[in-house]
Amino acid sequence: MAMAEVTVRGAGIFGLSVAYECARRGARVRLVDTVAVGAGSSGGVVGALAPHVPENWNTKKAFQLESLLKAGNFWAEVAQAGGVDPGYARLGRLQPLADVQAVGTAQARAEGAAALWQGQAVWEVVPASRFGDWILPSATGLVIHDTLSARIHPRQACAALAAAVTALGGEVILGEAPDQGAVVWATGVVGLVDLSRQFGRAAGAGVKGQAAVLAHDARHLPQLFVDGLHIVPHADGTVAIGSTSERDYEAPDTTDAQLDALIERARAASPVLEGAPVVTRWAGVRPRSRSRAPMLGPWPGRQGHFIANGGFKIGFGMAPGVAAVMADLILEGRDAIPDGFRVEDSL
């Protein structure tokens, strides 16, 4: 049987993951990016792999859960294949509970997690004091502790996937190269613009985010989620903080006072970060589809062309699942794309 050929355009998290999975299954893969591996928003700094709340269950939440449960094996295999550590660790997450109502809601969600998370993780309400001075206690002194959330180092993860693709016999080309075989377009914001232009309506848009990295070693502690702010310890002795969500912006890759405000909020949430120096300031634009879900499947009207786009804030968490369903479709002709994730859902 002839070896399948696949060209993936775009070396962000979706493109890299699809290329890796196709190569792992024996396809001849060519991964092409005109700039660099992780050049777009996938080259950010935060890396929070966190679940949706375990209630009002739907297809998107179920798909994300399966991806998060697959993540440990997925990233371990990537690291083994290419010899590069992606910085993955499943250390959980804390969220402070401000009042009695919040505690009641969290306890109800604990029951939802017990029913939905397949016994592979827990969502519990515990005293904040259990975690020392890592998190500032709220008025209740209680936090949600979930054991499903994990971290990834985005830049290391992109490098790990690229190395794995190469180790499995694939090509990683920076610049221009011709297509071979099936073509997967994982080109982020640029791809959303192209789709919008072709179909005459908005397929999605870019949303700017700003984030920072502080020098503080909390590598063995769970990440924090406080009033929409992610605080994520990494194994290299840093803590990432992010991010803003800006639909209107002038400069896509510059930081400003909005990031300064995030840093101050992080220091207020975790007293040990007070005085920790800022070592990196980052800004980038993330691809958000009109449906808010990933856009997966054939490119309408273009035989042999496929789309994997719209990762927005959950691209790294969704990557194992996205890679699997796209490889199923491209290599086996098997359509396992969840409802609501199809390209047509955002057109």
C-alpha atoms as a PDB file:
ATOM      1  CA  MET A   1       0.000   0.000   0.000  1.00  0.00           C
ATOM      2  CA  ALA A   2       1.320   3.455  -0.914  1.00  0.00           C
ATOM      3  CA  MET A   3       2.285   5.691   1.982  1.00  0.00           C
ATOM      4  CA  ALA A   4      -0.197   8.541   2.530  1.00  0.00           C
ATOM      5  CA  GLU A   5       1.181  12.033   1.999  1.00  0.00           C
ATOM      6  CA  VAL A   6       0.075  15.015   4.067  1.00  0.00           C
ATOM      7  CA  THR A   7       1.095  18.660   3.979  1.00  0.00           C
ATOM      8  CA  VAL A   8       0.275  20.721   7.044  1.00  0.00           C
ATOM      9  CA  ARG A   9       0.422  24.487   6.674  1.00  0.00           C
ATOM     10  CA  GLY A  10       0.954  26.310   9.946  1.00  0.00           C
ATOM     11  CA  ALA A  11       3.254  25.248  12.793  1.00  0.00           C
ATOM     12  CA  GLY A  12       1.068  26.334  15.676  1.00  0.00           C
ATOM     13  CA  ILE A  13      -0.348  23.873  18.187  1.00  0.00           C
ATOM     14  CA  PHE A  14      -3.074  22.480  15.893  1.00  0.00           C
ATOM     15  CA  GLY A  15      -0.807  22.148  12.867  1.00  0.00           C
ATOM     16  CA  LEU A  16       2.007  20.576  14.870  1.00  0.00           C
ATOM     17  CA  SER A  17      -0.309  18.132  16.627  1.00  0.00           C
ATOM     18  CA  VAL A  18      -2.011  17.021  13.421  1.00  0.00           C
ATOM     19  CA  ALA A  19       1.355  16.630  11.683  1.00  0.00           C
ATOM     20  CA  TYR A  20       2.691  14.561  14.586  1.00  0.00           C
ATOM     21  CA  GLU A  21      -0.339  12.268  14.726  1.00  0.00           C
ATOM     22  CA  CYS A  22      -0.302  11.693  10.968  1.00  0.00           C
ATOM     23  CA  ALA A  23       3.439  10.934  11.078  1.00  0.00           C
ATOM     24  CA  ARG A  24       2.943   8.626  14.057  1.00  0.00           C
ATOM     25  CA  ARG A  25       0.420   6.657  12.008  1.00  0.00           C
ATOM     26  CA  GLY A  26       2.868   6.235   9.148  1.00  0.00           C
ATOM     27  CA  ALA A  27       2.063   9.097   6.779  1.00  0.00           C
ATOM     28  CA  ARG A  28       4.774  11.006   4.931  1.00  0.00           C
ATOM     29  CA  VAL A  29       4.347  14.468   6.460  1.00  0.00           C
ATOM     30  CA  ARG A  30       5.519  17.884   5.316  1.00  0.00           C
ATOM     31  CA  LEU A  31       4.956  20.665   7.891  1.00  0.00           C
ATOM     32  CA  VAL A  32       5.336  24.148   6.414  1.00  0.00           C
ATOM     33  CA  ASP A  33       5.345  27.518   8.152  1.00  0.00           C
ATOM     34  CA  THR A  34       6.382  30.755   6.507  1.00  0.00           C
ATOM     35  CA  VAL A  35       7.822  32.204   9.745  1.00  0.00           C
ATOM     36  CA  ALA A  36       8.787  29.749  12.500  1.00  0.00           C
ATOM     37  CA  VAL A  37       7.565  26.926  14.691  1.00  0.00           C
ATOM     38  CA  GLY A  38       5.183  28.484  17.217  1.00  0.00           C
ATOM     39  CA  ALA A  39       5.466  31.894  15.575  1.00  0.00           C
ATOM     40  CA  GLY A  40       1.874  32.886  16.369  1.00  0.00           C
ATOM     41  CA  SER A  41      -0.093  32.697  19.586  1.00  0.00           C
ATOM     42  CA  SER A  42       1.063  29.104  20.165  1.00  0.00           C
ATOM     43  CA  GLY A  43       4.453  30.574  21.030  1.00  0.00           C
ATOM     44  CA  GLY A  44       2.961  32.238  24.094  1.00  0.00           C
ATOM     45  CA  VAL A  45       3.894  31.684  27.716  1.00  0.00           C
ATOM     46  CA  VAL A  46       0.888  30.687  29.853  1.00  0.00           C
ATOM     47  CA  GLY A  47       0.092  27.012  29.166  1.00  0.00           C
ATOM     48  CA  ALA A  48      -2.953  26.433  31.379  1.00  0.00           C
ATOM     49  CA  LEU A  49      -4.704  23.160  30.481  1.00  0.00           C
ATOM     50  CA  ALA A  50      -7.882  23.507  32.505  1.00  0.00           C
ATOM     51  CA  PRO A  51     -11.361  21.971  32.163  1.00  0.00           C
ATOM     52  CA  HIS A  52     -14.689  23.663  31.746  1.00  0.00           C
ATOM     53  CA  VAL A  53     -16.886  23.545  34.842  1.00  0.00           C
ATOM     54  CA  PRO A  54     -18.573  20.126  35.270  1.00  0.00           C
ATOM     55  CA  GLU A  55     -22.163  21.240  34.660  1.00  0.00           C
ATOM     56  CA  ASN A  56     -24.463  22.011  31.705  1.00  0.00           C
ATOM     57  CA  TRP A  57     -22.602  19.274  29.847  1.00  0.00           C
ATOM     58  CA  ASN A  58     -22.272  19.537  26.084  1.00  0.00           C
ATOM     59  CA  THR A  59     -20.229  18.201  23.169  1.00  0.00           C
ATOM     60  CA  LYS A  60     -17.478  20.782  23.532  1.00  0.00           C
ATOM     61  CA  LYS A  61     -16.952  20.042  27.221  1.00  0.00           C
ATOM     62  CA  ALA A  62     -16.989  16.291  26.625  1.00  0.00           C
ATOM     63  CA  PHE A  63     -14.403  16.557  23.841  1.00  0.00           C
ATOM     64  CA  GLN A  64     -12.176  18.752  25.982  1.00  0.00           C
ATOM     65  CA  LEU A  65     -12.442  16.288  28.880  1.00  0.00           C
ATOM     66  CA  GLU A  66     -11.322  13.409  26.663  1.00  0.00           C
ATOM     67  CA  SER A  67      -8.423  15.501  25.375  1.00  0.00           C
ATOM     68  CA  LEU A  68      -7.303  16.420  28.887  1.00  0.00           C
ATOM     69  CA  LEU A  69      -7.471  12.788  29.980  1.00  0.00           C
ATOM     70  CA  LYS A  70      -5.375  11.762  26.960  1.00  0.00           C
ATOM     71  CA  ALA A  71      -2.822  14.517  27.513  1.00  0.00           C
ATOM     72  CA  GLY A  72      -0.455  12.688  29.856  1.00  0.00           C
ATOM     73  CA  ASN A  73       0.155   9.811  27.444  1.00  0.00           C
ATOM     74  CA  PHE A  74       0.103  12.099  24.403  1.00  0.00           C
ATOM     75  CA  TRP A  75       2.844  14.409  25.667  1.00  0.00           C
ATOM     76  CA  ALA A  76       4.913  11.543  27.083  1.00  0.00           C
ATOM     77  CA  GLU A  77       4.916   9.897  23.654  1.00  0.00           C
ATOM     78  CA  VAL A  78       5.815  13.188  21.966  1.00  0.00           C
ATOM     79  CA  ALA A  79       8.763  13.608  24.340  1.00  0.00           C
ATOM     80  CA  GLN A  80       9.906  10.037  23.756  1.00  0.00           C
ATOM     81  CA  ALA A  81       9.661  10.343  19.978  1.00  0.00           C
ATOM     82  CA  GLY A  82      11.603  13.587  19.607  1.00  0.00           C
ATOM     83  CA  GLY A  83      13.674  13.784  22.788  1.00  0.00           C
ATOM     84  CA  VAL A  84      12.361  17.240  23.794  1.00  0.00           C
ATOM     85  CA  ASP A  85      10.496  17.869  27.064  1.00  0.00           C
ATOM     86  CA  PRO A  86       7.181  19.706  26.449  1.00  0.00           C
ATOM     87  CA  GLY A  87       6.932  20.831  30.077  1.00  0.00           C
ATOM     88  CA  TYR A  88       3.732  18.896  30.804  1.00  0.00           C
ATOM     89  CA  ALA A  89       2.660  18.134  34.371  1.00  0.00           C
ATOM     90  CA  ARG A  90      -0.791  17.453  35.805  1.00  0.00           C
ATOM     91  CA  LEU A  91      -0.637  19.248  39.151  1.00  0.00           C
ATOM     92  CA  GLY A  92      -4.195  20.545  39.442  1.00  0.00           C
ATOM     93  CA  ARG A  93      -5.660  23.992  39.994  1.00  0.00           C
ATOM     94  CA  LEU A  94      -6.961  26.168  42.836  1.00  0.00           C
ATOM     95  CA  GLN A  95      -9.804  28.701  42.694  1.00  0.00           C
ATOM     96  CA  PRO A  96     -10.727  30.856  45.708  1.00  0.00           C
ATOM     97  CA  LEU A  97     -14.343  30.914  46.914  1.00  0.00           C
ATOM     98  CA  ALA A  98     -15.457  34.385  47.916  1.00  0.00           C
ATOM     99  CA  ASP A  99     -18.763  33.743  49.704  1.00  0.00           C
ATOM    100  CA  VAL A 100     -21.277  31.166  50.867  1.00  0.00           C
ATOM    101  CA  GLN A 101     -23.076  31.147  47.529  1.00  0.00           C
ATOM    102  CA  ALA A 102     -19.838  30.390  45.694  1.00  0.00           C
ATOM    103  CA  VAL A 103     -19.137  27.531  48.104  1.00  0.00           C
ATOM    104  CA  GLY A 104     -22.572  26.030  47.456  1.00  0.00           C
ATOM    105  CA  THR A 105     -22.105  26.242  43.697  1.00  0.00           C
ATOM    106  CA  ALA A 106     -18.670  24.638  43.958  1.00  0.00           C
ATOM    107  CA  GLN A 107     -19.996  21.778  46.054  1.00  0.00           C
ATOM    108  CA  ALA A 108     -22.752  21.111  43.516  1.00  0.00           C
ATOM    109  CA  ARG A 109     -20.134  21.050  40.765  1.00  0.00           C
ATOM    110  CA  ALA A 110     -18.154  18.515  42.779  1.00  0.00           C
ATOM    111  CA  GLU A 111     -21.090  16.150  42.355  1.00  0.00           C
ATOM    112  CA  GLY A 112     -21.080  16.887  38.623  1.00  0.00           C
ATOM    113  CA  ALA A 113     -17.379  16.103  38.385  1.00  0.00           C
ATOM    114  CA  ALA A 114     -17.887  12.823  40.225  1.00  0.00           C
ATOM    115  CA  ALA A 115     -20.480  11.829  37.642  1.00  0.00           C
ATOM    116  CA  LEU A 116     -18.727  13.142  34.527  1.00  0.00           C
ATOM    117  CA  TRP A 117     -14.982  12.829  35.032  1.00  0.00           C
ATOM    118  CA  GLN A 118     -14.977   9.032  34.913  1.00  0.00           C
ATOM    119  CA  GLY A 119     -13.286   8.677  38.299  1.00  0.00           C
ATOM    120  CA  GLN A 120     -10.028   9.969  36.825  1.00  0.00           C
ATOM    121  CA  ALA A 121      -9.990  13.350  38.589  1.00  0.00           C
ATOM    122  CA  VAL A 122     -11.779  15.149  41.406  1.00  0.00           C
ATOM    123  CA  TRP A 123     -13.249  18.595  42.027  1.00  0.00           C
ATOM    124  CA  GLU A 124     -13.333  19.311  45.749  1.00  0.00           C
ATOM    125  CA  VAL A 125     -13.760  22.183  48.201  1.00  0.00           C
ATOM    126  CA  VAL A 126     -10.862  22.351  50.662  1.00  0.00           C
ATOM    127  CA  PRO A 127      -9.225  24.897  53.017  1.00  0.00           C
ATOM    128  CA  ALA A 128      -6.858  27.306  51.316  1.00  0.00           C
ATOM    129  CA  SER A 129      -4.480  26.850  54.252  1.00  0.00           C
ATOM    130  CA  ARG A 130      -3.584  23.446  52.862  1.00  0.00           C
ATOM    131  CA  PHE A 131      -1.463  25.257  50.256  1.00  0.00           C
ATOM    132  CA  GLY A 132       0.397  27.623  52.552  1.00  0.00           C
ATOM    133  CA  ASP A 133       1.014  31.131  51.274  1.00  0.00           C
ATOM    134  CA  TRP A 134       0.737  30.137  47.594  1.00  0.00           C
ATOM    135  CA  ILE A 135      -2.824  31.487  47.431  1.00  0.00           C
ATOM    136  CA  LEU A 136      -4.270  34.365  49.462  1.00  0.00           C
ATOM    137  CA  PRO A 137      -7.344  33.044  51.326  1.00  0.00           C
ATOM    138  CA  SER A 138     -10.676  34.627  50.432  1.00  0.00           C
ATOM    139  CA  ALA A 139     -13.355  35.510  52.980  1.00  0.00           C
ATOM    140  CA  THR A 140     -14.459  31.878  53.225  1.00  0.00           C
ATOM    141  CA  GLY A 141     -10.929  30.483  53.560  1.00  0.00           C
ATOM    142  CA  LEU A 142     -11.920  27.827  51.022  1.00  0.00           C
ATOM    143  CA  VAL A 143     -10.791  26.985  47.503  1.00  0.00           C
ATOM    144  CA  ILE A 144     -11.811  24.661  44.718  1.00  0.00           C
ATOM    145  CA  HIS A 145      -9.100  22.104  44.091  1.00  0.00           C
ATOM    146  CA  ASP A 146      -9.409  20.126  40.871  1.00  0.00           C
ATOM    147  CA  THR A 147      -6.925  17.419  39.938  1.00  0.00           C
ATOM    148  CA  LEU A 148      -7.674  17.438  36.206  1.00  0.00           C
ATOM    149  CA  SER A 149      -5.929  20.709  35.318  1.00  0.00           C
ATOM    150  CA  ALA A 150      -2.396  20.503  33.982  1.00  0.00           C
ATOM    151  CA  ARG A 151       0.317  22.789  32.671  1.00  0.00           C
ATOM    152  CA  ILE A 152       2.298  22.805  29.463  1.00  0.00           C
ATOM    153  CA  HIS A 153       5.203  25.036  28.466  1.00  0.00           C
ATOM    154  CA  PRO A 154       3.874  26.346  25.122  1.00  0.00           C
ATOM    155  CA  ARG A 155       7.202  27.061  23.450  1.00  0.00           C
ATOM    156  CA  GLN A 156       8.779  23.806  24.628  1.00  0.00           C
ATOM    157  CA  ALA A 157       5.668  21.900  23.556  1.00  0.00           C
ATOM    158  CA  CYS A 158       5.855  23.337  20.037  1.00  0.00           C
ATOM    159  CA  ALA A 159       9.551  22.454  19.859  1.00  0.00           C
ATOM    160  CA  ALA A 160       8.819  18.950  21.158  1.00  0.00           C
ATOM    161  CA  LEU A 161       6.179  18.323  18.498  1.00  0.00           C
ATOM    162  CA  ALA A 162       8.429  19.605  15.715  1.00  0.00           C
ATOM    163  CA  ALA A 163      11.237  17.343  16.918  1.00  0.00           C
ATOM    164  CA  ALA A 164       8.867  14.384  17.064  1.00  0.00           C
ATOM    165  CA  VAL A 165       7.637  15.002  13.501  1.00  0.00           C
ATOM    166  CA  THR A 166      11.231  15.071  12.260  1.00  0.00           C
ATOM    167  CA  ALA A 167      12.189  11.970  14.244  1.00  0.00           C
ATOM    168  CA  LEU A 168       9.256  10.111  12.653  1.00  0.00           C
ATOM    169  CA  GLY A 169      10.553  10.921   9.178  1.00  0.00           C
ATOM    170  CA  GLY A 170       8.584  14.087   8.482  1.00  0.00           C
ATOM    171  CA  GLU A 171       9.840  17.396   7.133  1.00  0.00           C
ATOM    172  CA  VAL A 172       9.605  20.708   8.977  1.00  0.00           C
ATOM    173  CA  ILE A 173      10.078  23.496   6.441  1.00  0.00           C
ATOM    174  CA  LEU A 174      10.315  27.189   7.298  1.00  0.00           C
ATOM    175  CA  GLY A 175       9.553  29.204   4.192  1.00  0.00           C
ATOM    176  CA  GLU A 176       7.771  28.098   1.027  1.00  0.00           C
ATOM    177  CA  ALA A 177       7.327  24.565  -0.245  1.00  0.00           C
ATOM    178  CA  PRO A 178       4.891  22.833  -2.605  1.00  0.00           C
ATOM    179  CA  ASP A 179       2.009  20.738  -1.341  1.00  0.00           C
ATOM    180  CA  GLN A 180       2.143  16.970  -1.353  1.00  0.00           C
ATOM    181  CA  GLY A 181      -0.969  14.873  -0.838  1.00  0.00           C
ATOM    182  CA  ALA A 182      -3.771  16.072   1.424  1.00  0.00           C
ATOM    183  CA  VAL A 183      -3.366  19.622   2.711  1.00  0.00           C
ATOM    184  CA  VAL A 184      -4.299  20.761   6.221  1.00  0.00           C
ATOM    185  CA  TRP A 185      -4.652  24.482   6.795  1.00  0.00           C
ATOM    186  CA  ALA A 186      -3.836  25.320  10.416  1.00  0.00           C
ATOM    187  CA  THR A 187      -2.932  28.937   9.800  1.00  0.00           C
ATOM    188  CA  GLY A 188      -4.624  30.656  12.738  1.00  0.00           C
ATOM    189  CA  VAL A 189      -5.830  34.219  12.352  1.00  0.00           C
ATOM    190  CA  VAL A 190      -4.614  34.435   8.751  1.00  0.00           C
ATOM    191  CA  GLY A 191      -6.650  31.334   7.949  1.00  0.00           C
ATOM    192  CA  LEU A 192      -9.791  32.841   9.487  1.00  0.00           C
ATOM    193  CA  VAL A 193      -9.320  35.906   7.301  1.00  0.00           C
ATOM    194  CA  ASP A 194      -8.934  33.715   4.204  1.00  0.00           C
ATOM    195  CA  LEU A 195     -12.102  31.770   5.002  1.00  0.00           C
ATOM    196  CA  SER A 196     -14.041  34.953   5.704  1.00  0.00           C
ATOM    197  CA  ARG A 197     -12.930  36.413   2.382  1.00  0.00           C
ATOM    198  CA  GLN A 198     -13.839  33.294   0.420  1.00  0.00           C
ATOM    199  CA  PHE A 199     -17.301  32.851   1.912  1.00  0.00           C
ATOM    200  CA  GLY A 200     -18.201  36.521   2.300  1.00  0.00           C
ATOM    201  CA  ARG A 201     -18.939  36.355   6.014  1.00  0.00           C
ATOM    202  CA  ALA A 202     -16.895  36.358   9.184  1.00  0.00           C
ATOM    203  CA  ALA A 203     -15.588  32.909  10.093  1.00  0.00           C
ATOM    204  CA  GLY A 204     -13.949  34.331  13.198  1.00  0.00           C
ATOM    205  CA  ALA A 205     -11.464  36.928  14.311  1.00  0.00           C
ATOM    206  CA  GLY A 206      -8.261  37.459  16.213  1.00  0.00           C
ATOM    207  CA  VAL A 207      -8.373  38.291  19.915  1.00  0.00           C
ATOM    208  CA  LYS A 208      -5.260  39.803  21.403  1.00  0.00           C
ATOM    209  CA  GLY A 209      -3.842  38.519  24.664  1.00  0.00           C
ATOM    210  CA  GLN A 210      -1.077  39.834  26.904  1.00  0.00           C
ATOM    211  CA  ALA A 211       0.845  37.703  29.393  1.00  0.00           C
ATOM    212  CA  ALA A 212       3.972  37.775  31.548  1.00  0.00           C
ATOM    213  CA  VAL A 213       6.523  35.471  33.134  1.00  0.00           C
ATOM    214  CA  LEU A 214       7.866  36.068  36.660  1.00  0.00           C
ATOM    215  CA  ALA A 215      10.979  34.540  38.165  1.00  0.00           C
ATOM    216  CA  HIS A 216       9.647  32.475  41.068  1.00  0.00           C
ATOM    217  CA  ASP A 217      10.086  28.751  41.590  1.00  0.00           C
ATOM    218  CA  ALA A 218       6.750  27.095  42.409  1.00  0.00           C
ATOM    219  CA  ARG A 219       7.186  24.148  40.048  1.00  0.00           C
ATOM    220  CA  HIS A 220       5.504  21.567  42.295  1.00  0.00           C
ATOM    221  CA  LEU A 221       2.421  23.647  43.110  1.00  0.00           C
ATOM    222  CA  PRO A 222      -0.982  23.709  41.374  1.00  0.00           C
ATOM    223  CA  GLN A 223      -1.887  26.564  39.082  1.00  0.00           C
ATOM    224  CA  LEU A 224      -4.259  29.286  40.275  1.00  0.00           C
ATOM    225  CA  PHE A 225      -7.363  30.696  38.615  1.00  0.00           C
ATOM    226  CA  VAL A 226      -8.462  33.909  40.306  1.00  0.00           C
ATOM    227  CA  ASP A 227     -11.153  36.175  38.825  1.00  0.00           C
ATOM    228  CA  GLY A 228     -10.356  35.069  35.283  1.00  0.00           C
ATOM    229  CA  LEU A 229      -6.584  35.290  35.744  1.00  0.00           C
ATOM    230  CA  HIS A 230      -4.342  32.246  35.168  1.00  0.00           C
ATOM    231  CA  ILE A 231      -1.225  31.887  37.319  1.00  0.00           C
ATOM    232  CA  VAL A 232       0.778  28.881  36.127  1.00  0.00           C
ATOM    233  CA  PRO A 233       4.032  27.595  37.667  1.00  0.00           C
ATOM    234  CA  HIS A 234       6.456  25.984  35.230  1.00  0.00           C
ATOM    235  CA  ALA A 235       9.277  23.522  35.790  1.00  0.00           C
ATOM    236  CA  ASP A 236      11.951  26.033  34.778  1.00  0.00           C
ATOM    237  CA  GLY A 237      11.484  28.056  37.967  1.00  0.00           C
ATOM    238  CA  THR A 238       9.083  30.621  36.509  1.00  0.00           C
ATOM    239  CA  VAL A 239       5.430  31.510  36.916  1.00  0.00           C
ATOM    240  CA  ALA A 240       3.351  32.569  33.907  1.00  0.00           C
ATOM    241  CA  ILE A 241       0.485  35.046  34.233  1.00  0.00           C
ATOM    242  CA  GLY A 242      -2.234  35.715  31.687  1.00  0.00           C
ATOM    243  CA  SER A 243      -4.088  36.900  29.928  1.00  0.00           C
ATOM    244  CA  THR A 244      -6.082  39.801  28.588  1.00  0.00           C
ATOM    245  CA  SER A 245      -8.788  39.358  25.930  1.00  0.00           C
ATOM    246  CA  GLU A 246      -8.771  42.329  23.575  1.00  0.00           C
ATOM    247  CA  ARG A 247     -11.020  42.392  20.522  1.00  0.00           C
ATOM    248  CA  ASP A 248      -9.984  45.936  19.654  1.00  0.00           C
ATOM    249  CA  TYR A 249      -6.279  46.717  19.525  1.00  0.00           C
ATOM    250  CA  GLU A 250      -3.810  48.737  17.497  1.00  0.00           C
ATOM    251  CA  ALA A 251      -0.557  46.818  17.975  1.00  0.00           C
ATOM    252  CA  PRO A 252      -0.890  43.006  17.953  1.00  0.00           C
ATOM    253  CA  ASP A 253       2.488  42.207  19.510  1.00  0.00           C
ATOM    254  CA  THR A 254       3.131  44.935  22.095  1.00  0.00           C
ATOM    255  CA  THR A 255       2.312  45.061  25.795  1.00  0.00           C
ATOM    256  CA  ASP A 256       0.973  47.992  27.771  1.00  0.00           C
ATOM    257  CA  ALA A 257      -0.593  49.041  31.068  1.00  0.00           C
ATOM    258  CA  GLN A 258      -3.182  46.264  30.801  1.00  0.00           C
ATOM    259  CA  LEU A 259      -0.411  43.742  31.413  1.00  0.00           C
ATOM    260  CA  ASP A 260       0.904  45.773  34.337  1.00  0.00           C
ATOM    261  CA  ALA A 261      -2.560  45.464  35.875  1.00  0.00           C
ATOM    262  CA  LEU A 262      -2.534  41.681  35.416  1.00  0.00           C
ATOM    263  CA  ILE A 263       0.806  41.421  37.164  1.00  0.00           C
ATOM    264  CA  GLU A 264      -0.465  43.416  40.126  1.00  0.00           C
ATOM    265  CA  ARG A 265      -3.577  41.238  40.340  1.00  0.00           C
ATOM    266  CA  ALA A 266      -1.405  38.131  40.358  1.00  0.00           C
ATOM    267  CA  ARG A 267       0.728  39.471  43.182  1.00  0.00           C
ATOM    268  CA  ALA A 268      -2.401  40.267  45.157  1.00  0.00           C
ATOM    269  CA  ALA A 269      -3.700  36.730  44.625  1.00  0.00           C
ATOM    270  CA  SER A 270      -0.426  35.042  45.593  1.00  0.00           C
ATOM    271  CA  PRO A 271       1.637  36.931  48.191  1.00  0.00           C
ATOM    272  CA  VAL A 272       4.805  34.978  47.370  1.00  0.00           C
ATOM    273  CA  LEU A 273       4.907  36.671  43.953  1.00  0.00           C
ATOM    274  CA  GLU A 274       5.387  40.099  45.504  1.00  0.00           C
ATOM    275  CA  GLY A 275       8.785  41.303  44.378  1.00  0.00           C
ATOM    276  CA  ALA A 276       9.328  38.484  41.872  1.00  0.00           C
ATOM    277  CA  PRO A 277      10.975  40.095  38.830  1.00  0.00           C
ATOM    278  CA  VAL A 278       9.237  40.106  35.462  1.00  0.00           C
ATOM    279  CA  VAL A 279      11.459  38.250  32.985  1.00  0.00           C
ATOM    280  CA  THR A 280       9.167  38.142  29.943  1.00  0.00           C
ATOM    281  CA  ARG A 281       6.339  40.280  28.599  1.00  0.00           C
ATOM    282  CA  TRP A 282       4.367  38.757  25.726  1.00  0.00           C
ATOM    283  CA  ALA A 283       1.521  39.748  23.439  1.00  0.00           C
ATOM    284  CA  GLY A 284      -0.070  37.907  20.535  1.00  0.00           C
ATOM    285  CA  VAL A 285      -3.322  37.379  18.673  1.00  0.00           C
ATOM    286  CA  ARG A 286      -5.290  34.149  19.095  1.00  0.00           C
ATOM    287  CA  PRO A 287      -7.708  32.706  16.495  1.00  0.00           C
ATOM    288  CA  ARG A 288     -11.292  32.683  17.765  1.00  0.00           C
ATOM    289  CA  SER A 289     -13.880  31.093  15.479  1.00  0.00           C
ATOM    290  CA  ARG A 290     -17.355  32.531  15.179  1.00  0.00           C
ATOM    291  CA  SER A 291     -18.784  29.471  16.966  1.00  0.00           C
ATOM    292  CA  ARG A 292     -16.081  29.705  19.686  1.00  0.00           C
ATOM    293  CA  ALA A 293     -15.323  25.997  19.108  1.00  0.00           C
ATOM    294  CA  PRO A 294     -12.435  24.642  17.038  1.00  0.00           C
ATOM    295  CA  MET A 295     -13.071  24.526  13.282  1.00  0.00           C
ATOM    296  CA  LEU A 296     -12.278  21.043  11.988  1.00  0.00           C
ATOM    297  CA  GLY A 297     -12.921  19.203   8.761  1.00  0.00           C
ATOM    298  CA  PRO A 298     -12.816  19.512   4.978  1.00  0.00           C
ATOM    299  CA  TRP A 299     -12.420  22.953   3.422  1.00  0.00           C
ATOM    300  CA  PRO A 300     -15.797  23.432   1.694  1.00  0.00           C
ATOM    301  CA  GLY A 301     -15.383  23.295  -2.062  1.00  0.00           C
ATOM    302  CA  ARG A 302     -11.658  22.401  -2.031  1.00  0.00           C
ATOM    303  CA  GLN A 303     -11.152  18.708  -2.615  1.00  0.00           C
ATOM    304  CA  GLY A 304      -8.319  17.233  -0.556  1.00  0.00           C
ATOM    305  CA  HIS A 305      -7.960  20.314   1.636  1.00  0.00           C
ATOM    306  CA  PHE A 306      -8.798  20.397   5.351  1.00  0.00           C
ATOM    307  CA  ILE A 307      -8.995  22.972   8.138  1.00  0.00           C
ATOM    308  CA  ALA A 308      -7.846  22.809  11.767  1.00  0.00           C
ATOM    309  CA  ASN A 309      -8.273  26.254  13.290  1.00  0.00           C
ATOM    310  CA  GLY A 310      -9.897  28.241  16.083  1.00  0.00           C
ATOM    311  CA  GLY A 311      -7.933  27.000  19.087  1.00  0.00           C
ATOM    312  CA  PHE A 312      -8.261  30.383  20.828  1.00  0.00           C
ATOM    313  CA  LYS A 313      -7.522  29.859  24.553  1.00  0.00           C
ATOM    314  CA  ILE A 314      -7.979  26.083  24.647  1.00  0.00           C
ATOM    315  CA  GLY A 315      -5.814  24.933  21.743  1.00  0.00           C
ATOM    316  CA  PHE A 316      -3.199  23.121  23.840  1.00  0.00           C
ATOM    317  CA  GLY A 317      -5.863  21.432  25.946  1.00  0.00           C
ATOM    318  CA  MET A 318      -7.752  20.282  22.839  1.00  0.00           C
ATOM    319  CA  ALA A 319      -4.647  19.245  20.874  1.00  0.00           C
ATOM    320  CA  PRO A 320      -4.653  15.480  21.570  1.00  0.00           C
ATOM    321  CA  GLY A 321      -8.296  15.181  20.533  1.00  0.00           C
ATOM    322  CA  VAL A 322      -7.961  17.461  17.513  1.00  0.00           C
ATOM    323  CA  ALA A 323      -4.928  15.518  16.284  1.00  0.00           C
ATOM    324  CA  ALA A 324      -6.796  12.212  16.563  1.00  0.00           C
ATOM    325  CA  VAL A 325     -10.000  13.232  14.763  1.00  0.00           C
ATOM    326  CA  MET A 326      -8.116  15.011  11.976  1.00  0.00           C
ATOM    327  CA  ALA A 327      -5.833  12.013  11.403  1.00  0.00           C
ATOM    328  CA  ASP A 328      -8.893   9.744  11.387  1.00  0.00           C
ATOM    329  CA  LEU A 329     -10.478  11.908   8.704  1.00  0.00           C
ATOM    330  CA  ILE A 330      -7.427  12.490   6.511  1.00  0.00           C
ATOM    331  CA  LEU A 331      -5.845   9.036   6.649  1.00  0.00           C
ATOM    332  CA  GLU A 332      -8.847   6.754   7.149  1.00  0.00           C
ATOM    333  CA  GLY A 333     -11.797   8.760   5.832  1.00  0.00           C
ATOM    334  CA  ARG A 334     -13.501   8.332   9.205  1.00  0.00           C
ATOM    335  CA  ASP A 335     -15.461  11.371  10.351  1.00  0.00           C
ATOM    336  CA  ALA A 336     -15.460  11.585  14.156  1.00  0.00           C
ATOM    337  CA  ILE A 337     -15.650  15.384  14.370  1.00  0.00           C
ATOM    338  CA  PRO A 338     -17.971  16.422  17.212  1.00  0.00           C
ATOM    339  CA  ASP A 339     -21.151  18.340  16.537  1.00  0.00           C
ATOM    340  CA  GLY A 340     -20.486  22.065  16.650  1.00  0.00           C
ATOM    341  CA  PHE A 341     -16.832  21.688  15.620  1.00  0.00           C
ATOM    342  CA  ARG A 342     -17.332  21.536  11.869  1.00  0.00           C
ATOM    343  CA  VAL A 343     -16.064  24.273   9.609  1.00  0.00           C
ATOM    344  CA  GLU A 344     -19.606  24.969   8.465  1.00  0.00           C
ATOM    345  CA  ASP A 345     -20.618  25.771  12.049  1.00  0.00           C
ATOM    346  CA  SER A 346     -18.545  28.949  11.885  1.00  0.00           C
ATOM    347  CA  LEU A 347     -19.531  29.978   8.338  1.00  0.00           C
END
